PDB file of N, CA and C in Angstrom:
ATOM      1  N   UNK A   1     -16.436  40.365  58.527  1.00  0.00           N
ATOM      2  CA  UNK A   1     -15.130  40.800  58.060  1.00  0.00           C
ATOM      3  C   UNK A   1     -15.216  42.274  57.670  1.00  0.00           C
ATOM      4  N   UNK A   2     -14.217  43.067  58.046  1.00  0.00           N
ATOM      5  CA  UNK A   2     -14.224  44.492  57.735  1.00  0.00           C
ATOM      6  C   UNK A   2     -13.947  44.725  56.250  1.00  0.00           C
ATOM      7  N   UNK A   3     -14.457  45.853  55.753  1.00  0.00           N
ATOM      8  CA  UNK A   3     -14.343  46.168  54.323  1.00  0.00           C
ATOM      9  C   UNK A   3     -12.892  46.226  53.862  1.00  0.00           C
ATOM     10  N   UNK A   4     -12.002  46.798  54.667  1.00  0.00           N
ATOM     11  CA  UNK A   4     -10.589  46.893  54.283  1.00  0.00           C
ATOM     12  C   UNK A   4      -9.946  45.532  54.098  1.00  0.00           C
ATOM     13  N   UNK A   5     -10.292  44.603  54.944  1.00  0.00           N
ATOM     14  CA  UNK A   5      -9.761  43.245  54.853  1.00  0.00           C
ATOM     15  C   UNK A   5     -10.317  42.562  53.599  1.00  0.00           C
ATOM     16  N   UNK A   6     -11.606  42.754  53.340  1.00  0.00           N
ATOM     17  CA  UNK A   6     -12.213  42.178  52.129  1.00  0.00           C
ATOM     18  C   UNK A   6     -11.564  42.746  50.873  1.00  0.00           C
ATOM     19  N   UNK A   7     -11.327  44.066  50.870  1.00  0.00           N
ATOM     20  CA  UNK A   7     -10.696  44.708  49.711  1.00  0.00           C
ATOM     21  C   UNK A   7      -9.281  44.163  49.508  1.00  0.00           C
ATOM     22  N   UNK A   8      -8.537  44.018  50.584  1.00  0.00           N
ATOM     23  CA  UNK A   8      -7.177  43.485  50.504  1.00  0.00           C
ATOM     24  C   UNK A   8      -7.182  42.072  49.913  1.00  0.00           C
ATOM     25  N   UNK A   9      -8.103  41.248  50.368  1.00  0.00           N
ATOM     26  CA  UNK A   9      -8.197  39.883  49.845  1.00  0.00           C
ATOM     27  C   UNK A   9      -8.576  39.879  48.368  1.00  0.00           C
ATOM     28  N   UNK A  10      -9.467  40.796  47.978  1.00  0.00           N
ATOM     29  CA  UNK A  10      -9.877  40.880  46.566  1.00  0.00           C
ATOM     30  C   UNK A  10      -8.698  41.307  45.694  1.00  0.00           C
ATOM     31  N   UNK A  11      -7.906  42.267  46.166  1.00  0.00           N
ATOM     32  CA  UNK A  11      -6.734  42.708  45.403  1.00  0.00           C
ATOM     33  C   UNK A  11      -5.746  41.559  45.259  1.00  0.00           C
ATOM     34  N   UNK A  12      -5.490  40.828  46.325  1.00  0.00           N
ATOM     35  CA  UNK A  12      -4.589  39.674  46.250  1.00  0.00           C
ATOM     36  C   UNK A  12      -5.091  38.665  45.229  1.00  0.00           C
ATOM     37  N   UNK A  13      -6.402  38.449  45.211  1.00  0.00           N
ATOM     38  CA  UNK A  13      -7.002  37.521  44.253  1.00  0.00           C
ATOM     39  C   UNK A  13      -6.813  38.020  42.821  1.00  0.00           C
ATOM     40  N   UNK A  14      -7.104  39.286  42.576  1.00  0.00           N
ATOM     41  CA  UNK A  14      -6.995  39.848  41.232  1.00  0.00           C
ATOM     42  C   UNK A  14      -5.550  39.851  40.734  1.00  0.00           C
ATOM     43  N   UNK A  15      -4.594  40.105  41.628  1.00  0.00           N
ATOM     44  CA  UNK A  15      -3.201  40.204  41.208  1.00  0.00           C
ATOM     45  C   UNK A  15      -2.513  38.843  41.075  1.00  0.00           C
ATOM     46  N   UNK A  16      -3.266  37.765  41.221  1.00  0.00           N
ATOM     47  CA  UNK A  16      -2.725  36.437  40.926  1.00  0.00           C
ATOM     48  C   UNK A  16      -2.595  36.250  39.413  1.00  0.00           C
ATOM     49  N   UNK A  17      -3.402  37.035  38.661  1.00  0.00           N
ATOM     50  CA  UNK A  17      -3.331  37.010  37.193  1.00  0.00           C
ATOM     51  C   UNK A  17      -2.219  37.960  36.741  1.00  0.00           C
ATOM     52  N   UNK A  18      -1.895  37.887  35.463  1.00  0.00           N
ATOM     53  CA  UNK A  18      -0.943  38.849  34.898  1.00  0.00           C
ATOM     54  C   UNK A  18      -1.559  40.243  34.979  1.00  0.00           C
ATOM     55  N   UNK A  19      -0.729  41.254  35.252  1.00  0.00           N
ATOM     56  CA  UNK A  19      -1.224  42.622  35.329  1.00  0.00           C
ATOM     57  C   UNK A  19      -0.188  43.581  34.756  1.00  0.00           C
ATOM     58  N   UNK A  20      -0.633  44.797  34.444  1.00  0.00           N
ATOM     59  CA  UNK A  20       0.218  45.824  33.854  1.00  0.00           C
ATOM     60  C   UNK A  20       0.281  47.011  34.801  1.00  0.00           C
ATOM     61  N   UNK A  21       1.488  47.568  34.995  1.00  0.00           N
ATOM     62  CA  UNK A  21       1.670  48.775  35.801  1.00  0.00           C
ATOM     63  C   UNK A  21       1.988  49.933  34.865  1.00  0.00           C
ATOM     64  N   UNK A  22       1.332  51.054  35.052  1.00  0.00           N
ATOM     65  CA  UNK A  22       1.615  52.265  34.283  1.00  0.00           C
ATOM     66  C   UNK A  22       1.978  53.361  35.274  1.00  0.00           C
ATOM     67  N   UNK A  23       3.146  53.981  35.077  1.00  0.00           N
ATOM     68  CA  UNK A  23       3.608  55.037  35.967  1.00  0.00           C
ATOM     69  C   UNK A  23       3.261  56.389  35.362  1.00  0.00           C
ATOM     70  N   UNK A  24       2.652  57.250  36.170  1.00  0.00           N
ATOM     71  CA  UNK A  24       2.258  58.592  35.745  1.00  0.00           C
ATOM     72  C   UNK A  24       2.751  59.602  36.762  1.00  0.00           C
ATOM     73  N   UNK A  25       2.822  60.877  36.347  1.00  0.00           N
ATOM     74  CA  UNK A  25       3.167  61.928  37.295  1.00  0.00           C
ATOM     75  C   UNK A  25       2.204  63.088  37.123  1.00  0.00           C
ATOM     76  N   UNK A  26       2.019  63.841  38.198  1.00  0.00           N
ATOM     77  CA  UNK A  26       1.132  65.003  38.183  1.00  0.00           C
ATOM     78  C   UNK A  26       1.644  66.001  39.206  1.00  0.00           C
ATOM     79  N   UNK A  27       1.374  67.278  38.982  1.00  0.00           N
ATOM     80  CA  UNK A  27       1.743  68.310  39.955  1.00  0.00           C
ATOM     81  C   UNK A  27       0.873  68.156  41.192  1.00  0.00           C
ATOM     82  N   UNK A  28       1.466  68.405  42.340  1.00  0.00           N
ATOM     83  CA  UNK A  28       0.704  68.339  43.592  1.00  0.00           C
ATOM     84  C   UNK A  28      -0.298  69.484  43.631  1.00  0.00           C
ATOM     85  N   UNK A  29      -1.465  69.213  44.149  1.00  0.00           N
ATOM     86  CA  UNK A  29      -2.488  70.253  44.260  1.00  0.00           C
ATOM     87  C   UNK A  29      -2.118  71.233  45.372  1.00  0.00           C
ATOM     88  N   UNK A  30      -2.672  72.425  45.312  1.00  0.00           N
ATOM     89  CA  UNK A  30      -2.425  73.415  46.367  1.00  0.00           C
ATOM     90  C   UNK A  30      -1.085  74.086  46.203  1.00  0.00           C
ATOM     91  N   UNK A  31      -0.445  74.350  47.317  1.00  0.00           N
ATOM     92  CA  UNK A  31       0.814  75.097  47.314  1.00  0.00           C
ATOM     93  C   UNK A  31       2.031  74.240  47.018  1.00  0.00           C
ATOM     94  N   UNK A  32       1.878  72.935  47.100  1.00  0.00           N
ATOM     95  CA  UNK A  32       3.020  72.053  46.895  1.00  0.00           C
ATOM     96  C   UNK A  32       3.602  72.165  45.497  1.00  0.00           C
ATOM     97  N   UNK A  33       4.906  72.137  45.410  1.00  0.00           N
ATOM     98  CA  UNK A  33       5.577  72.193  44.108  1.00  0.00           C
ATOM     99  C   UNK A  33       6.142  70.839  43.723  1.00  0.00           C
ATOM    100  N   UNK A  34       5.962  69.891  44.593  1.00  0.00           N
ATOM    101  CA  UNK A  34       6.487  68.554  44.342  1.00  0.00           C
ATOM    102  C   UNK A  34       5.645  67.837  43.289  1.00  0.00           C
ATOM    103  N   UNK A  35       6.313  67.032  42.482  1.00  0.00           N
ATOM    104  CA  UNK A  35       5.615  66.191  41.527  1.00  0.00           C
ATOM    105  C   UNK A  35       5.227  64.905  42.244  1.00  0.00           C
ATOM    106  N   UNK A  36       4.019  64.446  41.991  1.00  0.00           N
ATOM    107  CA  UNK A  36       3.567  63.194  42.584  1.00  0.00           C
ATOM    108  C   UNK A  36       3.571  62.117  41.515  1.00  0.00           C
ATOM    109  N   UNK A  37       3.990  60.960  41.905  1.00  0.00           N
ATOM    110  CA  UNK A  37       4.017  59.832  40.991  1.00  0.00           C
ATOM    111  C   UNK A  37       2.906  58.867  41.369  1.00  0.00           C
ATOM    112  N   UNK A  38       2.250  58.339  40.357  1.00  0.00           N
ATOM    113  CA  UNK A  38       1.137  57.422  40.550  1.00  0.00           C
ATOM    114  C   UNK A  38       1.400  56.153  39.748  1.00  0.00           C
ATOM    115  N   UNK A  39       0.847  55.068  40.205  1.00  0.00           N
ATOM    116  CA  UNK A  39       0.903  53.827  39.447  1.00  0.00           C
ATOM    117  C   UNK A  39      -0.529  53.380  39.198  1.00  0.00           C
ATOM    118  N   UNK A  40      -0.845  53.155  37.936  1.00  0.00           N
ATOM    119  CA  UNK A  40      -2.147  52.616  37.561  1.00  0.00           C
ATOM    120  C   UNK A  40      -1.953  51.139  37.256  1.00  0.00           C
ATOM    121  N   UNK A  41      -2.820  50.322  37.793  1.00  0.00           N
ATOM    122  CA  UNK A  41      -2.706  48.872  37.618  1.00  0.00           C
ATOM    123  C   UNK A  41      -3.879  48.383  36.786  1.00  0.00           C
ATOM    124  N   UNK A  42      -3.573  47.593  35.759  1.00  0.00           N
ATOM    125  CA  UNK A  42      -4.611  47.018  34.909  1.00  0.00           C
ATOM    126  C   UNK A  42      -4.575  45.495  35.019  1.00  0.00           C
ATOM    127  N   UNK A  43      -5.750  44.913  35.179  1.00  0.00           N
ATOM    128  CA  UNK A  43      -5.911  43.457  35.231  1.00  0.00           C
ATOM    129  C   UNK A  43      -6.919  43.093  34.142  1.00  0.00           C
ATOM    130  N   UNK A  44      -6.538  42.211  33.235  1.00  0.00           N
ATOM    131  CA  UNK A  44      -7.415  41.830  32.118  1.00  0.00           C
ATOM    132  C   UNK A  44      -7.887  43.052  31.336  1.00  0.00           C
ATOM    133  N   UNK A  45      -7.011  44.050  31.182  1.00  0.00           N
ATOM    134  CA  UNK A  45      -7.357  45.246  30.425  1.00  0.00           C
ATOM    135  C   UNK A  45      -8.258  46.227  31.150  1.00  0.00           C
ATOM    136  N   UNK A  46      -8.535  45.980  32.434  1.00  0.00           N
ATOM    137  CA  UNK A  46      -9.404  46.865  33.215  1.00  0.00           C
ATOM    138  C   UNK A  46      -8.613  47.462  34.375  1.00  0.00           C
ATOM    139  N   UNK A  47      -8.931  48.690  34.726  1.00  0.00           N
ATOM    140  CA  UNK A  47      -8.283  49.362  35.836  1.00  0.00           C
ATOM    141  C   UNK A  47      -8.621  48.655  37.147  1.00  0.00           C
ATOM    142  N   UNK A  48      -7.596  48.353  37.945  1.00  0.00           N
ATOM    143  CA  UNK A  48      -7.830  47.747  39.252  1.00  0.00           C
ATOM    144  C   UNK A  48      -8.712  48.658  40.104  1.00  0.00           C
ATOM    145  N   UNK A  49      -8.461  49.951  40.052  1.00  0.00           N
ATOM    146  CA  UNK A  49      -9.269  50.903  40.824  1.00  0.00           C
ATOM    147  C   UNK A  49     -10.732  50.843  40.406  1.00  0.00           C
ATOM    148  N   UNK A  50     -10.989  50.818  39.095  1.00  0.00           N
ATOM    149  CA  UNK A  50     -12.369  50.764  38.618  1.00  0.00           C
ATOM    150  C   UNK A  50     -13.047  49.455  39.013  1.00  0.00           C
ATOM    151  N   UNK A  51     -12.295  48.363  38.996  1.00  0.00           N
ATOM    152  CA  UNK A  51     -12.856  47.080  39.426  1.00  0.00           C
ATOM    153  C   UNK A  51     -13.280  47.179  40.887  1.00  0.00           C
ATOM    154  N   UNK A  52     -12.385  47.695  41.727  1.00  0.00           N
ATOM    155  CA  UNK A  52     -12.682  47.787  43.154  1.00  0.00           C
ATOM    156  C   UNK A  52     -13.846  48.734  43.435  1.00  0.00           C
ATOM    157  N   UNK A  53     -13.897  49.858  42.724  1.00  0.00           N
ATOM    158  CA  UNK A  53     -15.008  50.795  42.910  1.00  0.00           C
ATOM    159  C   UNK A  53     -16.319  50.146  42.483  1.00  0.00           C
ATOM    160  N   UNK A  54     -16.302  49.442  41.343  1.00  0.00           N
ATOM    161  CA  UNK A  54     -17.534  48.808  40.854  1.00  0.00           C
ATOM    162  C   UNK A  54     -18.028  47.712  41.798  1.00  0.00           C
ATOM    163  N   UNK A  55     -17.113  47.148  42.584  1.00  0.00           N
ATOM    164  CA  UNK A  55     -17.487  46.112  43.541  1.00  0.00           C
ATOM    165  C   UNK A  55     -17.783  46.687  44.930  1.00  0.00           C
ATOM    166  N   UNK A  56     -17.797  48.026  45.035  1.00  0.00           N
ATOM    167  CA  UNK A  56     -18.166  48.672  46.293  1.00  0.00           C
ATOM    168  C   UNK A  56     -17.045  48.862  47.299  1.00  0.00           C
ATOM    169  N   UNK A  57     -15.789  48.738  46.861  1.00  0.00           N
ATOM    170  CA  UNK A  57     -14.663  48.870  47.785  1.00  0.00           C
ATOM    171  C   UNK A  57     -14.070  50.275  47.842  1.00  0.00           C
ATOM    172  N   UNK A  58     -14.650  51.252  47.168  1.00  0.00           N
ATOM    173  CA  UNK A  58     -14.098  52.603  47.210  1.00  0.00           C
ATOM    174  C   UNK A  58     -14.881  53.550  46.341  1.00  0.00           C
ATOM    175  N   UNK A  59     -14.387  54.783  46.262  1.00  0.00           N
ATOM    176  CA  UNK A  59     -14.996  55.822  45.436  1.00  0.00           C
ATOM    177  C   UNK A  59     -13.932  56.353  44.485  1.00  0.00           C
ATOM    178  N   UNK A  60     -14.329  56.668  43.276  1.00  0.00           N
ATOM    179  CA  UNK A  60     -13.385  57.141  42.274  1.00  0.00           C
ATOM    180  C   UNK A  60     -13.066  58.617  42.416  1.00  0.00           C
ATOM    181  N   UNK A  61     -11.881  58.999  41.921  1.00  0.00           N
ATOM    182  CA  UNK A  61     -11.459  60.396  41.899  1.00  0.00           C
ATOM    183  C   UNK A  61     -10.609  60.586  40.650  1.00  0.00           C
ATOM    184  N   UNK A  62     -10.838  61.646  39.936  1.00  0.00           N
ATOM    185  CA  UNK A  62     -10.089  61.914  38.704  1.00  0.00           C
ATOM    186  C   UNK A  62      -8.972  62.912  38.979  1.00  0.00           C
ATOM    187  N   UNK A  63      -7.871  62.762  38.244  1.00  0.00           N
ATOM    188  CA  UNK A  63      -6.795  63.752  38.303  1.00  0.00           C
ATOM    189  C   UNK A  63      -6.146  63.830  36.923  1.00  0.00           C
ATOM    190  N   UNK A  64      -5.538  64.952  36.628  1.00  0.00           N
ATOM    191  CA  UNK A  64      -4.823  65.105  35.365  1.00  0.00           C
ATOM    192  C   UNK A  64      -3.384  64.695  35.615  1.00  0.00           C
ATOM    193  N   UNK A  65      -2.872  63.850  34.765  1.00  0.00           N
ATOM    194  CA  UNK A  65      -1.505  63.360  34.960  1.00  0.00           C
ATOM    195  C   UNK A  65      -0.828  63.185  33.618  1.00  0.00           C
ATOM    196  N   UNK A  66       0.468  62.938  33.668  1.00  0.00           N
ATOM    197  CA  UNK A  66       1.281  62.748  32.474  1.00  0.00           C
ATOM    198  C   UNK A  66       2.088  61.463  32.638  1.00  0.00           C
ATOM    199  N   UNK A  67       2.340  60.809  31.548  1.00  0.00           N
ATOM    200  CA  UNK A  67       3.115  59.592  31.599  1.00  0.00           C
ATOM    201  C   UNK A  67       4.539  59.898  32.054  1.00  0.00           C
ATOM    202  N   UNK A  68       5.090  59.090  32.947  1.00  0.00           N
ATOM    203  CA  UNK A  68       6.461  59.267  33.404  1.00  0.00           C
ATOM    204  C   UNK A  68       7.459  58.806  32.358  1.00  0.00           C
ATOM    205  N   UNK A  69       6.973  58.191  31.301  1.00  0.00           N
ATOM    206  CA  UNK A  69       7.857  57.680  30.253  1.00  0.00           C
ATOM    207  C   UNK A  69       8.365  58.785  29.338  1.00  0.00           C
ATOM    208  N   UNK A  70       7.861  59.993  29.507  1.00  0.00           N
ATOM    209  CA  UNK A  70       8.295  61.103  28.643  1.00  0.00           C
ATOM    210  C   UNK A  70       9.736  61.445  28.852  1.00  0.00           C
TER     211      UNK A  70
END
């Protein structure tokens, strides 16, 4: 089974539980003036991205962002 398919199945499994969505925004890097919106997903108090990275399904990347709730 390919890694993308395994990751998709793992996400479906994790999102069967209750989860929290947090909306953030950040300025686009480079010349872009557009604001980018991001959604962070937490499952059992842990970042979905961090769970997937820790299980070998990706690599982490940091960015500075602001809550869209402002």
